């Protein structure tokens, strides 16, 4: 999202609705599909938190 030139503070204060509007604006109105449970598991496997014992 750096193309928006938002400061980190602006990015982290943005609401989900604002983030989706920015995404859609950058991608011609194409909606982003939500991540599914399997997607999250694959990401957690690929990028584990060190010492984390969180379960889904």
N, C-alpha and C. Protein backbone atom coordinates (compact mmCIF):
# COMPACT_ATOMS: atom_id res chain seq x y z
N UNK A 1 0.82 -1.19 0.00
CA UNK A 1 0.00 0.00 0.00
C UNK A 1 0.87 1.26 0.00
N UNK A 2 2.16 1.09 -0.13
CA UNK A 2 3.03 2.28 -0.13
C UNK A 2 2.72 3.20 -1.31
N UNK A 3 2.06 2.68 -2.32
CA UNK A 3 1.71 3.52 -3.47
C UNK A 3 0.75 4.64 -3.04
N UNK A 4 0.02 4.43 -1.95
CA UNK A 4 -0.89 5.47 -1.45
C UNK A 4 -0.14 6.59 -0.74
N UNK A 5 1.10 6.29 -0.40
CA UNK A 5 1.95 7.24 0.33
C UNK A 5 1.36 7.61 1.69
N UNK A 6 0.71 6.63 2.29
CA UNK A 6 0.19 6.81 3.64
C UNK A 6 1.35 6.64 4.62
N UNK A 7 1.34 7.43 5.66
CA UNK A 7 2.33 7.23 6.72
C UNK A 7 1.95 5.95 7.46
N UNK A 8 2.91 5.34 8.18
CA UNK A 8 2.56 4.15 8.96
C UNK A 8 1.40 4.45 9.92
N UNK A 9 1.41 5.62 10.53
CA UNK A 9 0.32 5.97 11.47
C UNK A 9 -1.03 5.99 10.76
N UNK A 10 -1.07 6.58 9.56
CA UNK A 10 -2.32 6.62 8.80
C UNK A 10 -2.78 5.22 8.43
N UNK A 11 -1.84 4.38 7.98
CA UNK A 11 -2.18 3.00 7.62
C UNK A 11 -2.77 2.27 8.81
N UNK A 12 -2.10 2.31 9.95
CA UNK A 12 -2.54 1.53 11.10
C UNK A 12 -3.81 2.09 11.75
N UNK A 13 -4.13 3.35 11.49
CA UNK A 13 -5.37 3.93 12.01
C UNK A 13 -6.54 3.76 11.05
N UNK A 14 -6.28 3.31 9.84
CA UNK A 14 -7.34 3.15 8.85
C UNK A 14 -8.29 2.03 9.28
N UNK A 15 -9.56 2.26 8.98
CA UNK A 15 -10.57 1.24 9.28
C UNK A 15 -10.53 0.17 8.18
N UNK A 16 -11.08 -1.00 8.44
CA UNK A 16 -11.15 -2.01 7.39
C UNK A 16 -11.87 -1.47 6.13
N UNK A 17 -12.89 -0.69 6.31
CA UNK A 17 -13.61 -0.12 5.17
C UNK A 17 -12.69 0.81 4.35
N UNK A 18 -11.89 1.60 5.03
CA UNK A 18 -10.95 2.49 4.33
C UNK A 18 -9.88 1.69 3.58
N UNK A 19 -9.38 0.63 4.20
CA UNK A 19 -8.39 -0.21 3.54
C UNK A 19 -8.97 -0.89 2.30
N UNK A 20 -10.21 -1.38 2.41
CA UNK A 20 -10.85 -2.01 1.26
C UNK A 20 -11.09 -1.01 0.14
N UNK A 21 -11.50 0.21 0.49
CA UNK A 21 -11.72 1.25 -0.52
C UNK A 21 -10.41 1.58 -1.23
N UNK A 22 -9.32 1.64 -0.49
CA UNK A 22 -8.02 1.92 -1.09
C UNK A 22 -7.62 0.78 -2.01
N UNK A 23 -7.80 -0.47 -1.57
CA UNK A 23 -7.48 -1.65 -2.39
C UNK A 23 -8.27 -1.62 -3.68
N UNK A 24 -9.58 -1.41 -3.56
CA UNK A 24 -10.44 -1.41 -4.74
C UNK A 24 -10.05 -0.27 -5.69
N UNK A 25 -9.70 0.88 -5.14
CA UNK A 25 -9.28 1.99 -5.98
C UNK A 25 -8.01 1.69 -6.75
N UNK A 26 -7.10 0.97 -6.12
CA UNK A 26 -5.84 0.61 -6.77
C UNK A 26 -6.01 -0.49 -7.81
N UNK A 27 -7.06 -1.29 -7.67
CA UNK A 27 -7.22 -2.46 -8.53
C UNK A 27 -8.52 -2.41 -9.34
N UNK A 28 -8.92 -1.22 -9.69
CA UNK A 28 -10.07 -1.07 -10.59
C UNK A 28 -11.38 -1.62 -10.05
N UNK A 29 -11.59 -1.55 -8.76
CA UNK A 29 -12.84 -2.01 -8.18
C UNK A 29 -12.90 -3.49 -7.88
N UNK A 30 -11.82 -4.23 -8.17
CA UNK A 30 -11.79 -5.67 -7.89
C UNK A 30 -11.78 -5.90 -6.39
N UNK A 31 -12.70 -6.71 -5.93
CA UNK A 31 -12.79 -7.00 -4.50
C UNK A 31 -11.77 -8.06 -4.09
N UNK A 32 -11.29 -7.93 -2.89
CA UNK A 32 -10.35 -8.88 -2.31
C UNK A 32 -11.15 -9.94 -1.56
N UNK A 33 -10.91 -11.20 -1.86
CA UNK A 33 -11.59 -12.29 -1.17
C UNK A 33 -10.95 -12.49 0.21
N UNK A 34 -11.75 -12.77 1.22
CA UNK A 34 -11.19 -12.99 2.55
C UNK A 34 -10.36 -14.28 2.59
N UNK A 35 -9.39 -14.29 3.49
CA UNK A 35 -8.57 -15.49 3.67
C UNK A 35 -9.41 -16.57 4.34
N UNK A 36 -9.20 -17.79 3.92
CA UNK A 36 -9.88 -18.93 4.52
C UNK A 36 -8.98 -19.56 5.57
N UNK A 37 -9.54 -20.42 6.38
CA UNK A 37 -8.79 -21.06 7.45
C UNK A 37 -7.54 -21.74 6.93
N UNK A 38 -7.64 -22.46 5.82
CA UNK A 38 -6.47 -23.14 5.24
C UNK A 38 -5.41 -22.15 4.80
N UNK A 39 -5.85 -21.00 4.27
CA UNK A 39 -4.90 -19.96 3.87
C UNK A 39 -4.11 -19.48 5.08
N UNK A 40 -4.81 -19.25 6.16
CA UNK A 40 -4.16 -18.77 7.38
C UNK A 40 -3.19 -19.81 7.92
N UNK A 41 -3.58 -21.05 7.89
CA UNK A 41 -2.68 -22.13 8.36
C UNK A 41 -1.40 -22.19 7.51
N UNK A 42 -1.55 -22.06 6.18
CA UNK A 42 -0.37 -22.08 5.31
C UNK A 42 0.55 -20.90 5.61
N UNK A 43 -0.04 -19.72 5.82
CA UNK A 43 0.78 -18.56 6.15
C UNK A 43 1.49 -18.73 7.49
N UNK A 44 0.77 -19.26 8.47
CA UNK A 44 1.39 -19.48 9.78
C UNK A 44 2.51 -20.50 9.70
N UNK A 45 2.35 -21.50 8.84
CA UNK A 45 3.40 -22.50 8.65
C UNK A 45 4.62 -21.90 7.97
N UNK A 46 4.37 -21.02 7.01
CA UNK A 46 5.47 -20.41 6.26
C UNK A 46 6.18 -19.33 7.06
N UNK A 47 5.44 -18.64 7.95
CA UNK A 47 5.99 -17.51 8.70
C UNK A 47 5.63 -17.65 10.18
N UNK A 48 6.18 -18.66 10.86
CA UNK A 48 5.81 -18.89 12.26
C UNK A 48 6.34 -17.78 13.19
N UNK A 49 5.54 -17.49 14.21
CA UNK A 49 6.00 -16.58 15.26
C UNK A 49 6.92 -17.39 16.17
N UNK A 50 8.07 -16.85 16.46
CA UNK A 50 9.01 -17.57 17.33
C UNK A 50 8.43 -17.68 18.73
N UNK A 51 8.39 -18.89 19.26
CA UNK A 51 7.91 -19.11 20.61
C UNK A 51 6.41 -19.03 20.75
N UNK A 52 5.70 -18.94 19.66
CA UNK A 52 4.25 -18.81 19.72
C UNK A 52 3.60 -20.17 19.85
N UNK A 53 2.56 -20.23 20.66
CA UNK A 53 1.82 -21.47 20.80
C UNK A 53 0.35 -21.25 20.48
N UNK A 54 0.08 -20.25 19.64
CA UNK A 54 -1.30 -19.95 19.26
C UNK A 54 -1.86 -21.06 18.39
N UNK A 55 -3.08 -21.40 18.64
CA UNK A 55 -3.77 -22.40 17.82
C UNK A 55 -4.98 -21.75 17.17
N UNK A 56 -5.32 -22.25 16.02
CA UNK A 56 -6.49 -21.73 15.32
C UNK A 56 -7.67 -22.62 15.64
